[in-house]
Every structure is written in structure tokens, then in C-alpha cells.
Protein backbone atom coordinates (compact mmCIF):
# COMPACT_ATOMS: atom_id res chain seq x y z
CA MET A 1 -54.77 21.67 101.82
CA ARG A 2 -53.72 18.05 102.33
CA LYS A 3 -55.08 17.33 105.78
CA THR A 4 -54.13 14.46 108.06
CA PRO A 5 -56.50 12.29 110.10
CA PRO A 6 -57.26 13.65 113.59
CA LEU A 7 -54.81 12.91 116.40
CA ARG A 8 -56.35 10.55 118.96
CA LYS A 9 -55.31 8.86 122.17
CA GLY A 10 -53.11 5.89 121.35
CA ASP A 11 -51.59 7.59 118.30
CA VAL A 12 -47.84 7.81 117.85
CA ILE A 13 -46.12 11.21 118.00
CA ALA A 14 -42.58 11.18 116.60
CA ILE A 15 -40.24 13.53 118.45
CA CYS A 16 -37.11 14.95 116.84
CA ALA A 17 -34.65 17.81 117.40
CA PRO A 18 -34.29 19.99 114.27
CA ALA A 19 -32.71 22.94 116.07
CA GLY A 20 -30.97 23.44 119.44
CA PRO A 21 -29.52 20.81 121.80
CA VAL A 22 -32.02 19.03 124.03
CA ASP A 23 -31.83 18.64 127.80
CA SER A 24 -32.54 15.01 128.73
CA GLU A 25 -34.48 15.80 131.92
CA ARG A 26 -36.70 18.30 130.16
CA LEU A 27 -37.35 15.87 127.33
CA GLU A 28 -38.25 13.15 129.81
CA ARG A 29 -40.68 15.51 131.55
CA GLY A 30 -42.37 16.52 128.29
CA VAL A 31 -42.58 12.96 127.03
CA ALA A 32 -44.27 12.01 130.29
CA ARG A 33 -46.88 14.73 129.69
CA LEU A 34 -47.63 13.33 126.25
CA SER A 35 -47.83 9.77 127.58
CA SER A 36 -50.17 10.77 130.39
CA ALA A 37 -52.45 12.37 127.79
CA GLY A 38 -52.70 9.01 126.04
CA TYR A 39 -50.26 9.52 123.16
CA VAL A 40 -47.37 7.20 122.32
CA PRO A 41 -44.15 9.22 121.96
CA GLU A 42 -41.45 7.74 119.71
CA ILE A 43 -38.11 9.54 120.09
CA ALA A 44 -35.62 9.90 117.24
CA GLU A 45 -32.30 8.14 117.63
CA GLY A 46 -29.59 10.59 118.66
CA VAL A 47 -32.05 13.24 119.80
CA LEU A 48 -29.65 14.25 122.63
CA ALA A 49 -26.70 14.89 120.31
CA SER A 50 -25.02 18.26 120.75
CA GLU A 51 -22.69 20.31 118.58
CA ARG A 52 -22.22 23.83 119.98
CA TYR A 53 -25.65 25.49 119.67
CA LEU A 54 -27.15 22.67 117.56
CA ALA A 55 -28.58 19.21 118.29
CA GLY A 56 -25.86 17.62 116.17
CA ASP A 57 -24.63 18.53 112.71
CA ASP A 58 -27.02 19.42 109.89
CA GLY A 59 -27.01 15.94 108.39
CA HIS A 60 -27.82 14.33 111.73
CA ARG A 61 -30.72 16.68 112.40
CA ALA A 62 -32.04 16.31 108.85
CA ARG A 63 -32.06 12.53 109.22
CA GLN A 64 -34.01 12.88 112.46
CA LEU A 65 -36.61 15.09 110.81
CA GLU A 66 -36.92 12.82 107.78
CA TRP A 67 -37.27 9.80 110.07
CA ALA A 68 -40.08 11.51 111.97
CA LEU A 69 -41.90 12.67 108.84
CA THR A 70 -41.75 9.23 107.23
CA LEU A 71 -42.31 6.98 110.26
CA PRO A 72 -45.25 4.84 109.05
CA GLU A 73 -46.96 4.47 112.42
CA ALA A 74 -46.66 8.16 113.42
CA ARG A 75 -49.69 10.40 113.11
CA ALA A 76 -47.87 13.61 114.17
CA VAL A 77 -44.35 15.03 114.50
CA MET A 78 -43.40 17.26 117.44
CA ALA A 79 -40.16 19.19 117.79
CA ALA A 80 -38.31 18.71 121.06
CA ARG A 81 -37.38 22.38 121.24
CA GLY A 82 -36.49 25.46 119.19
CA GLY A 83 -33.31 27.50 119.49
CA TYR A 84 -31.62 27.74 116.12
CA GLY A 85 -30.92 25.50 113.13
CA SER A 86 -34.22 24.64 111.43
CA THR A 87 -33.57 26.88 108.42
CA ARG A 88 -30.34 24.99 107.70
CA LEU A 89 -32.33 21.78 107.18
CA LEU A 90 -34.71 23.06 104.52
CA PRO A 91 -32.43 22.34 101.52
CA LEU A 92 -31.37 18.96 102.93
CA ILE A 93 -34.78 17.29 103.12
CA ASP A 94 -36.30 15.30 100.27
CA TRP A 95 -39.62 17.06 100.76
CA LYS A 96 -41.44 15.12 98.03
CA ARG A 97 -40.69 11.89 99.89
CA ALA A 98 -41.09 13.38 103.37
CA VAL A 99 -44.65 14.59 102.83
CA ARG A 100 -45.89 11.65 100.74
CA ARG A 101 -47.88 10.52 103.76
CA PRO A 102 -48.62 13.82 105.52
CA LYS A 103 -48.28 14.13 109.28
CA LEU A 104 -49.29 16.96 111.56
CA LEU A 105 -46.13 18.95 112.42
CA VAL A 106 -46.19 20.71 115.80
CA GLY A 107 -43.78 23.29 117.23
CA PHE A 108 -43.01 27.00 117.47
CA SER A 109 -40.07 29.42 117.79
CA ASP A 110 -37.24 28.38 115.41
CA VAL A 111 -39.40 25.53 114.08
CA THR A 112 -41.70 28.10 112.41
CA ALA A 113 -39.22 28.08 109.51
CA ILE A 114 -40.47 24.58 108.73
CA LEU A 115 -44.09 25.29 109.66
CA SER A 116 -44.28 28.28 107.32
CA TYR A 117 -42.70 26.36 104.43
CA LEU A 118 -45.02 23.37 104.81
CA SER A 119 -48.20 25.38 105.34
CA THR A 120 -47.72 28.04 102.64
CA ARG A 121 -45.65 26.24 100.00
CA LEU A 122 -46.54 22.56 100.34
CA SER A 123 -50.20 22.98 101.39
CA LEU A 124 -49.84 20.99 104.61
CA PRO A 125 -51.61 22.37 107.70
CA CYS A 126 -49.41 22.57 110.81
CA ILE A 127 -49.88 23.55 114.44
CA HIS A 128 -47.94 26.37 116.03
CA GLY A 129 -47.95 24.77 119.45
CA PRO A 130 -46.19 22.90 122.24
CA MET A 131 -42.75 21.28 122.13
CA ALA A 132 -41.76 18.29 124.26
CA ALA A 133 -38.62 19.66 125.94
CA ALA A 134 -39.72 23.30 125.93
CA ASP A 135 -43.09 24.56 127.20
CA LEU A 136 -44.39 21.06 128.05
CA ALA A 137 -41.42 20.72 130.41
CA LEU A 138 -40.73 24.29 131.54
CA ARG A 139 -44.06 26.13 131.70
CA TYR A 140 -46.72 23.49 131.43
CA ASP A 141 -50.18 25.03 131.21
CA ALA A 142 -53.03 22.53 131.41
CA PRO A 143 -55.67 24.64 129.56
CA ALA A 144 -53.20 25.43 126.76
CA PHE A 145 -52.29 21.76 126.41
CA ASP A 146 -55.98 20.82 126.38
CA ALA A 147 -56.47 23.36 123.58
CA PHE A 148 -53.75 21.58 121.56
CA VAL A 149 -55.38 18.19 122.20
CA ARG A 150 -58.77 19.42 121.01
CA LEU A 151 -57.36 21.24 117.99
CA ALA A 152 -55.31 18.23 116.87
CA ALA A 153 -58.36 15.98 117.33
CA GLY A 154 -60.53 18.20 115.12
CA GLU A 155 -62.89 19.05 117.99
CA VAL A 156 -62.95 22.86 117.71
CA SER A 157 -66.15 24.43 116.44
CA PRO A 158 -65.98 27.35 113.98
CA ARG A 159 -68.45 29.11 116.30
CA GLU A 160 -66.06 28.91 119.26
CA PRO A 161 -63.85 31.95 119.99
CA TRP A 162 -60.28 30.67 120.07
CA GLY A 163 -57.54 31.87 122.40
CA GLY A 164 -59.39 34.71 124.11
CA PRO A 165 -60.08 38.24 122.85
CA MET A 166 -57.25 40.40 121.52
CA GLU A 167 -56.79 44.14 121.72
CA ARG A 168 -57.91 45.88 118.56
CA VAL A 169 -55.03 48.12 117.51
CA ARG A 170 -56.27 49.18 114.09
CA GLY A 171 -59.30 48.57 111.88
CA GLY A 172 -62.11 46.07 112.17
CA ALA A 173 -62.75 42.48 111.15
CA ALA A 174 -60.78 40.33 108.72
CA GLN A 175 -60.62 36.81 107.36
CA GLY A 176 -57.78 34.81 105.82
CA ARG A 177 -55.54 31.78 105.97
CA LEU A 178 -53.60 31.66 109.23
CA ALA A 179 -49.82 31.78 108.80
CA GLY A 180 -46.69 33.32 110.28
CA GLY A 181 -44.62 32.55 113.36
CA CYS A 182 -41.54 33.93 115.02
CA LEU A 183 -40.77 37.19 113.21
CA SER A 184 -36.97 36.91 113.27
CA VAL A 185 -37.10 33.31 112.00
CA ILE A 186 -39.44 33.89 109.07
CA THR A 187 -37.56 37.09 108.16
CA SER A 188 -34.43 34.96 107.70
CA LEU A 189 -36.28 33.15 104.88
CA LEU A 190 -36.82 36.26 102.77
CA GLY A 191 -35.08 35.92 99.40
CA THR A 192 -34.57 32.16 99.78
CA PRO A 193 -36.34 29.31 97.92
CA TYR A 194 -38.16 28.59 101.21
CA GLU A 195 -39.68 32.04 101.63
CA PRO A 196 -43.29 31.67 102.84
CA ASP A 197 -46.15 32.84 100.65
CA PHE A 198 -48.32 35.09 102.79
CA ARG A 199 -50.80 36.21 100.15
CA GLY A 200 -54.25 36.27 101.71
CA ALA A 201 -52.88 35.50 105.17
CA LEU A 202 -54.12 36.42 108.58
CA LEU A 203 -50.53 36.88 109.69
CA PHE A 204 -49.56 35.85 113.22
CA LEU A 205 -46.30 37.37 114.45
CA GLU A 206 -44.42 37.08 117.75
CA ASP A 207 -40.83 37.04 119.00
CA VAL A 208 -38.71 37.06 122.13
CA GLY A 209 -35.84 39.23 123.35
CA GLU A 210 -36.09 41.68 120.46
CA PRO A 211 -35.99 45.44 121.16
CA ALA A 212 -38.44 47.68 119.34
CA TYR A 213 -35.99 48.91 116.73
CA ARG A 214 -35.23 45.36 115.58
CA ILE A 215 -38.91 44.49 115.31
CA ASP A 216 -39.37 47.73 113.36
CA ARG A 217 -36.49 46.78 111.06
CA MET A 218 -37.92 43.32 110.35
CA LEU A 219 -41.44 44.61 109.73
CA THR A 220 -40.03 47.28 107.44
CA GLN A 221 -38.09 44.68 105.47
CA TRP A 222 -41.21 42.62 104.95
CA ILE A 223 -43.24 45.66 103.91
CA GLN A 224 -40.59 47.02 101.55
CA SER A 225 -40.16 43.60 99.96
CA GLY A 226 -43.81 43.75 98.88
CA ARG A 227 -44.45 40.30 100.35
CA LEU A 228 -47.18 41.55 102.70
CA ALA A 229 -49.09 43.57 100.11
CA LYS A 230 -51.95 41.08 100.00
CA ILE A 231 -52.32 39.98 103.62
CA SER A 232 -55.73 40.44 105.22
CA GLY A 233 -54.58 41.39 108.73
CA ILE A 234 -51.96 41.05 111.47
CA LEU A 235 -52.34 39.12 114.75
CA ALA A 236 -49.48 40.01 117.08
CA GLY A 237 -48.68 37.74 119.99
CA ARG A 238 -48.11 39.24 123.41
CA MET A 239 -44.38 39.95 123.76
CA ALA A 240 -42.18 41.00 126.66
CA PRO A 241 -40.74 44.45 125.92
CA ALA A 242 -37.01 45.03 126.08
CA PRO A 243 -35.57 46.99 129.03
CA HIS A 244 -36.67 50.65 129.06
CA GLU A 245 -39.47 49.86 126.57
CA THR A 246 -43.16 49.09 127.03
CA GLU A 247 -45.82 46.99 125.38
CA GLU A 248 -47.27 50.26 124.14
CA ASP A 249 -44.10 50.71 122.09
CA LEU A 250 -44.72 47.32 120.50
CA ARG A 251 -48.37 48.08 119.81
CA GLY A 252 -47.26 51.27 118.11
CA LEU A 253 -44.95 49.34 115.77
CA PHE A 254 -47.70 46.98 114.69
CA HIS A 255 -50.16 49.84 114.33
CA ALA A 256 -47.72 51.60 112.03
CA ALA A 257 -47.19 48.42 110.00
CA GLY A 258 -50.94 47.95 109.63
CA LYS A 259 -51.35 51.55 108.52
CA ARG A 260 -48.65 51.14 105.86
CA LEU A 261 -50.35 47.98 104.62
CA SER A 262 -53.94 49.24 105.07
CA VAL A 263 -54.95 46.17 107.09
CA PRO A 264 -56.47 45.60 110.54
CA VAL A 265 -54.18 44.78 113.46
CA TRP A 266 -54.83 43.02 116.77
CA TYR A 267 -52.44 42.55 119.67
CA GLY A 268 -52.15 39.92 122.37
CA PHE A 269 -52.98 36.52 120.92
CA PRO A 270 -51.71 34.14 123.66
CA ALA A 271 -49.24 32.08 121.64
CA GLY A 272 -45.47 31.98 121.44
CA HIS A 273 -42.69 32.64 123.91
CA GLU A 274 -44.45 34.91 126.38
CA GLY A 275 -46.99 33.52 128.86
CA LYS A 276 -49.51 31.04 127.48
CA ASN A 277 -48.84 29.16 124.27
CA VAL A 278 -52.29 28.37 122.89
CA ALA A 279 -52.09 26.13 119.83
CA LEU A 280 -52.75 27.96 116.57
CA PRO A 281 -53.27 26.16 113.25
CA PHE A 282 -51.40 27.35 110.18
CA GLY A 283 -52.67 26.82 106.65
CA VAL A 284 -56.38 26.95 107.49
CA ARG A 285 -58.89 29.77 107.38
CA GLY A 286 -59.66 31.98 110.35
CA ARG A 287 -61.71 35.08 111.03
CA VAL A 288 -61.28 37.86 113.55
CA ASP A 289 -64.40 39.85 114.37
CA ALA A 290 -64.67 43.51 115.35
CA LYS A 291 -64.35 42.53 119.03
CA GLY A 292 -60.96 40.91 118.45
CA ARG A 293 -62.18 37.32 118.75
CA LEU A 294 -60.57 34.68 116.54
CA PHE A 295 -62.74 31.94 115.04
CA LEU A 296 -61.20 28.93 113.33
CA LEU A 297 -63.32 28.42 110.22
CA GLU A 298 -61.49 25.25 109.29
CA SER A 299 -59.77 22.41 111.12
CA PRO A 300 -56.12 21.52 110.49
CA VAL A 301 -57.15 17.84 110.40
CA GLU A 302 -59.82 15.86 108.60
CA THR A 303 -63.30 16.11 110.07
CA ARG A 304 -66.61 14.57 109.13
């Protein structure tokens, strides 16, 4: 993995909008959070553009992302928000140029299309974590933000349980390279040149607003494609069940998926759309013990 230097106070974070349109007040609130933590936010030109459900047309958003990834003084790139549109940018970016000087990419939701491509295909660790005009503005959680700060600074010990214990749904311990994201987003990459490579992965999956049958359908597609045949385990994020359904229904779906794949399954890692959004590194090794505790065996940034 091509790791970046740790993110410190005084470092520049480039903010761009690769997906949905950005609310100016929310962006201002999130940028203030980053500034108060000691970072120096630099906002892409035209970040408030809007075209229906997108933050401007594909070319405009691609230029924003390329600007952020190539900004010489930036140490990290943070998405303003998710929504929809990140997958449309993947063929438009000159990735060889964009990752010549690697930066730590941070985001979740729709942005996991880019996170999964970078971390599994281009060997660049990323952080599934906060976004400036999303959770930093709408559901700010100080401990979760502190977890991001420590993770990005390379200050997390491999002996430290990360994110709190999960519910063991099936099996025991497992170890692998952390990967995954929003299930519906990464499923849209199947069969494309940007399909993530999940071989050997401890696969984190979460989503929002999806009834059980749709989650079942997406998991089934992944399993039948053969792309999950070599994963080491599944970490499911805590998700809000659809009306007339329960979390037990969701646990049952992931249990069934784990049984079909013969891998362990845990439920309730606090990252994603529901509740807390604890930063989770992609592209680096992790281990879950028999008690459902995650340990980060590797940092997403350079350490001594």
C-alpha cells in the first residue's frame, strides 16, 4: 500500500463535491468544525454548483475531484457529501496523474465507489469517515470526530479495540484487509472496470433506506458472482430497518450470507448512515477476535 504522511494540525484538507448538491450553510458548519480542529480547509471552486440531483455536470465534478487530488499543499481530500454521482466520475479521472502524489481520501455513502476503487485497485489506503457538509454538519459527534483525527494522524495502537464490540452473528475470529462500504453503491460497480477486488477482505457493509429483500438481492448478486469467495469475514454496520421489519431480519440476512460463504459475520460496527460514524480505514489489515472486537493491525498513514 502507498501510504501518505500522517494528517496533522495545520495541514490542508481539500474539499470537493463528487456527488450530490451541497447546502452552503451545512458546508460552512462542517468547514468550521475542521478549522476548529486545527486543519486548513481549501474548498474547490464551484463546490455549490447544482444540476438536478448532482453537484454540477460530470465534467465539473471530475475537475473538482482532480483538483483536490492534485493540490500540492493538500495532505487529505474530504468529500462534502454523498448522494449520488461518484460512480459516473470513475472513467473521467486521469488516475495515474491523480494519485502520483497520494493523499488520504475521506468520505462514505456514495463516495465509497471511489474509496473501494482506490483501496483495492490502486493500493491507496482511504478512510471511510466524516464528510464536511454531511455528518460534520448534521449529526456532529465529538468522540467519532476525535477517532477520525487520531486515525488520520497514525495514533491508533494495534492493541486498541476500535469502534466498540460488535454482535457475533456467525463463527469466530478473522483477519484480513478492511474494505467495502455502502452495499448499494459497491454493487453498482459489479461488472465494470472499477469493480473492487475483495479477495482476502474483512468486508464492511452498510446501507440506508433499503428493505430486507433488496439487501438480500444485493448480497445474493455478490455471492453468485463469485467475487466474495475469498473474503475472510463480514462486518455489518448497524442499519435502520425498513417499516414492518426489524434489525433481527437484517442480522438473519447477513448470517445467511456468511453461511453461504463459510465465513464469520459480526453485526453493529458503528460506521455509516445510522447513528455514530466511527472512522474506518480501508486497504489496511484488521482483525476481529472471538468477542467481536476489531483491532487495526496497520495504520492507513505512515508511522515510525
